Amino acid sequence: MYGGMGSLNDIVLHRDGKVLKYENNEFDALRERLYALTRD
């Protein structure tokens, strides 16, 4: 899920060919939170 090709870390959100900066930052924070919860 977190390592290797095609993992959760490879996801980048786009709309109409443009990177969604705010949404990607929020997704990254949620991904970090999920990792912390599963690690504990």
PDB file of N, CA and C in Angstrom:
ATOM      1  N   MET A   1       0.820  -1.194   0.000  1.00  0.00           N
ATOM      2  CA  MET A   1       0.000   0.000   0.000  1.00  0.00           C
ATOM      3  C   MET A   1       0.869   1.265   0.000  1.00  0.00           C
ATOM      4  N   TYR A   2       2.012   1.230   0.697  1.00  0.00           N
ATOM      5  CA  TYR A   2       2.847   2.432   0.810  1.00  0.00           C
ATOM      6  C   TYR A   2       4.181   2.315   0.086  1.00  0.00           C
ATOM      7  N   GLY A   3       4.492   1.189  -0.497  1.00  0.00           N
ATOM      8  CA  GLY A   3       5.781   1.063  -1.155  1.00  0.00           C
ATOM      9  C   GLY A   3       5.659   0.423  -2.520  1.00  0.00           C
ATOM     10  N   GLY A   4       6.603   0.719  -3.371  1.00  0.00           N
ATOM     11  CA  GLY A   4       6.613   0.122  -4.697  1.00  0.00           C
ATOM     12  C   GLY A   4       5.786   0.895  -5.706  1.00  0.00           C
ATOM     13  N   MET A   5       5.859   0.443  -6.931  1.00  0.00           N
ATOM     14  CA  MET A   5       5.161   1.100  -8.024  1.00  0.00           C
ATOM     15  C   MET A   5       3.645   0.914  -7.887  1.00  0.00           C
ATOM     16  N   GLY A   6       2.913   1.986  -8.122  1.00  0.00           N
ATOM     17  CA  GLY A   6       1.455   1.911  -8.058  1.00  0.00           C
ATOM     18  C   GLY A   6       0.901   1.959  -6.648  1.00  0.00           C
ATOM     19  N   SER A   7       1.677   2.463  -5.714  1.00  0.00           N
ATOM     20  CA  SER A   7       1.237   2.516  -4.323  1.00  0.00           C
ATOM     21  C   SER A   7       0.409   3.777  -4.057  1.00  0.00           C
ATOM     22  N   LEU A   8      -0.104   3.860  -2.878  1.00  0.00           N
ATOM     23  CA  LEU A   8      -0.895   5.013  -2.448  1.00  0.00           C
ATOM     24  C   LEU A   8      -0.098   6.311  -2.568  1.00  0.00           C
ATOM     25  N   ASN A   9       1.204   6.223  -2.393  1.00  0.00           N
ATOM     26  CA  ASN A   9       2.059   7.412  -2.481  1.00  0.00           C
ATOM     27  C   ASN A   9       2.192   7.947  -3.901  1.00  0.00           C
ATOM     28  N   ASP A  10       1.819   7.167  -4.900  1.00  0.00           N
ATOM     29  CA  ASP A  10       1.948   7.590  -6.297  1.00  0.00           C
ATOM     30  C   ASP A  10       0.772   8.424  -6.787  1.00  0.00           C
ATOM     31  N   ILE A  11      -0.269   8.538  -6.005  1.00  0.00           N
ATOM     32  CA  ILE A  11      -1.470   9.251  -6.442  1.00  0.00           C
ATOM     33  C   ILE A  11      -1.238  10.763  -6.413  1.00  0.00           C
ATOM     34  N   VAL A  12      -1.540  11.413  -7.532  1.00  0.00           N
ATOM     35  CA  VAL A  12      -1.507  12.871  -7.632  1.00  0.00           C
ATOM     36  C   VAL A  12      -2.846  13.288  -8.240  1.00  0.00           C
ATOM     37  N   LEU A  13      -3.557  14.155  -7.559  1.00  0.00           N
ATOM     38  CA  LEU A  13      -4.874  14.585  -8.010  1.00  0.00           C
ATOM     39  C   LEU A  13      -4.761  15.706  -9.032  1.00  0.00           C
ATOM     40  N   HIS A  14      -5.537  15.577 -10.133  1.00  0.00           N
ATOM     41  CA  HIS A  14      -5.556  16.551 -11.228  1.00  0.00           C
ATOM     42  C   HIS A  14      -6.996  16.865 -11.599  1.00  0.00           C
ATOM     43  N   ARG A  15      -7.193  18.023 -12.195  1.00  0.00           N
ATOM     44  CA  ARG A  15      -8.481  18.373 -12.810  1.00  0.00           C
ATOM     45  C   ARG A  15      -8.181  19.227 -14.042  1.00  0.00           C
ATOM     46  N   ASP A  16      -8.732  18.822 -15.151  1.00  0.00           N
ATOM     47  CA  ASP A  16      -8.528  19.537 -16.416  1.00  0.00           C
ATOM     48  C   ASP A  16      -7.045  19.758 -16.717  1.00  0.00           C
ATOM     49  N   GLY A  17      -6.228  18.744 -16.427  1.00  0.00           N
ATOM     50  CA  GLY A  17      -4.808  18.814 -16.737  1.00  0.00           C
ATOM     51  C   GLY A  17      -3.977  19.628 -15.762  1.00  0.00           C
ATOM     52  N   LYS A  18      -4.588  20.134 -14.691  1.00  0.00           N
ATOM     53  CA  LYS A  18      -3.859  20.935 -13.709  1.00  0.00           C
ATOM     54  C   LYS A  18      -3.810  20.204 -12.368  1.00  0.00           C
ATOM     55  N   VAL A  19      -2.645  20.271 -11.735  1.00  0.00           N
ATOM     56  CA  VAL A  19      -2.472  19.643 -10.425  1.00  0.00           C
ATOM     57  C   VAL A  19      -3.272  20.423  -9.392  1.00  0.00           C
ATOM     58  N   LEU A  20      -4.005  19.703  -8.553  1.00  0.00           N
ATOM     59  CA  LEU A  20      -4.807  20.321  -7.494  1.00  0.00           C
ATOM     60  C   LEU A  20      -3.953  20.426  -6.231  1.00  0.00           C
ATOM     61  N   LYS A  21      -3.311  21.575  -6.076  1.00  0.00           N
ATOM     62  CA  LYS A  21      -2.341  21.770  -4.995  1.00  0.00           C
ATOM     63  C   LYS A  21      -2.968  21.591  -3.605  1.00  0.00           C
ATOM     64  N   TYR A  22      -4.048  22.293  -3.327  1.00  0.00           N
ATOM     65  CA  TYR A  22      -4.687  22.212  -2.012  1.00  0.00           C
ATOM     66  C   TYR A  22      -5.161  20.789  -1.726  1.00  0.00           C
ATOM     67  N   GLU A  23      -5.828  20.190  -2.694  1.00  0.00           N
ATOM     68  CA  GLU A  23      -6.362  18.846  -2.513  1.00  0.00           C
ATOM     69  C   GLU A  23      -5.252  17.814  -2.320  1.00  0.00           C
ATOM     70  N   ASN A  24      -4.143  17.979  -3.040  1.00  0.00           N
ATOM     71  CA  ASN A  24      -3.023  17.059  -2.866  1.00  0.00           C
ATOM     72  C   ASN A  24      -2.380  17.219  -1.488  1.00  0.00           C
ATOM     73  N   ASN A  25      -2.300  18.449  -0.995  1.00  0.00           N
ATOM     74  CA  ASN A  25      -1.757  18.664   0.351  1.00  0.00           C
ATOM     75  C   ASN A  25      -2.659  18.022   1.399  1.00  0.00           C
ATOM     76  N   GLU A  26      -3.963  18.159   1.224  1.00  0.00           N
ATOM     77  CA  GLU A  26      -4.899  17.545   2.164  1.00  0.00           C
ATOM     78  C   GLU A  26      -4.837  16.020   2.085  1.00  0.00           C
ATOM     79  N   PHE A  27      -4.760  15.491   0.867  1.00  0.00           N
ATOM     80  CA  PHE A  27      -4.643  14.046   0.678  1.00  0.00           C
ATOM     81  C   PHE A  27      -3.369  13.530   1.335  1.00  0.00           C
ATOM     82  N   ASP A  28      -2.278  14.272   1.200  1.00  0.00           N
ATOM     83  CA  ASP A  28      -1.010  13.884   1.819  1.00  0.00           C
ATOM     84  C   ASP A  28      -1.137  13.838   3.341  1.00  0.00           C
ATOM     85  N   ALA A  29      -1.811  14.813   3.921  1.00  0.00           N
ATOM     86  CA  ALA A  29      -2.015  14.837   5.373  1.00  0.00           C
ATOM     87  C   ALA A  29      -2.852  13.634   5.814  1.00  0.00           C
ATOM     88  N   LEU A  30      -3.875  13.310   5.051  1.00  0.00           N
ATOM     89  CA  LEU A  30      -4.708  12.144   5.379  1.00  0.00           C
ATOM     90  C   LEU A  30      -3.916  10.844   5.244  1.00  0.00           C
ATOM     91  N   ARG A  31      -3.071  10.780   4.230  1.00  0.00           N
ATOM     92  CA  ARG A  31      -2.226   9.598   4.026  1.00  0.00           C
ATOM     93  C   ARG A  31      -1.269   9.418   5.202  1.00  0.00           C
ATOM     94  N   GLU A  32      -0.689  10.513   5.672  1.00  0.00           N
ATOM     95  CA  GLU A  32       0.208  10.459   6.836  1.00  0.00           C
ATOM     96  C   GLU A  32      -0.545  10.011   8.085  1.00  0.00           C
ATOM     97  N   ARG A  33      -1.749  10.518   8.248  1.00  0.00           N
ATOM     98  CA  ARG A  33      -2.576  10.139   9.407  1.00  0.00           C
ATOM     99  C   ARG A  33      -2.926   8.647   9.362  1.00  0.00           C
ATOM    100  N   LEU A  34      -3.287   8.164   8.174  1.00  0.00           N
ATOM    101  CA  LEU A  34      -3.600   6.752   7.999  1.00  0.00           C
ATOM    102  C   LEU A  34      -2.389   5.893   8.323  1.00  0.00           C
ATOM    103  N   TYR A  35      -1.227   6.293   7.855  1.00  0.00           N
ATOM    104  CA  TYR A  35      -0.003   5.557   8.144  1.00  0.00           C
ATOM    105  C   TYR A  35       0.267   5.500   9.649  1.00  0.00           C
ATOM    106  N   ALA A  36       0.108   6.632  10.316  1.00  0.00           N
ATOM    107  CA  ALA A  36       0.340   6.684  11.763  1.00  0.00           C
ATOM    108  C   ALA A  36      -0.632   5.766  12.510  1.00  0.00           C
ATOM    109  N   LEU A  37      -1.886   5.754  12.086  1.00  0.00           N
ATOM    110  CA  LEU A  37      -2.892   4.910  12.740  1.00  0.00           C
ATOM    111  C   LEU A  37      -2.600   3.423  12.537  1.00  0.00           C
ATOM    112  N   THR A  38      -2.155   3.068  11.352  1.00  0.00           N
ATOM    113  CA  THR A  38      -1.887   1.644  11.082  1.00  0.00           C
ATOM    114  C   THR A  38      -0.569   1.196  11.684  1.00  0.00           C
ATOM    115  N   ARG A  39       0.347   2.129  11.895  1.00  0.00           N
ATOM    116  CA  ARG A  39       1.643   1.801  12.483  1.00  0.00           C
ATOM    117  C   ARG A  39       1.511   1.492  13.964  1.00  0.00           C
ATOM    118  N   ASP A  40       0.603   2.181  14.636  1.00  0.00           N
ATOM    119  CA  ASP A  40       0.433   2.022  16.094  1.00  0.00           C
ATOM    120  C   ASP A  40      -0.283   0.790  16.474  1.00  0.00           C
TER     121      ASP A  40
END
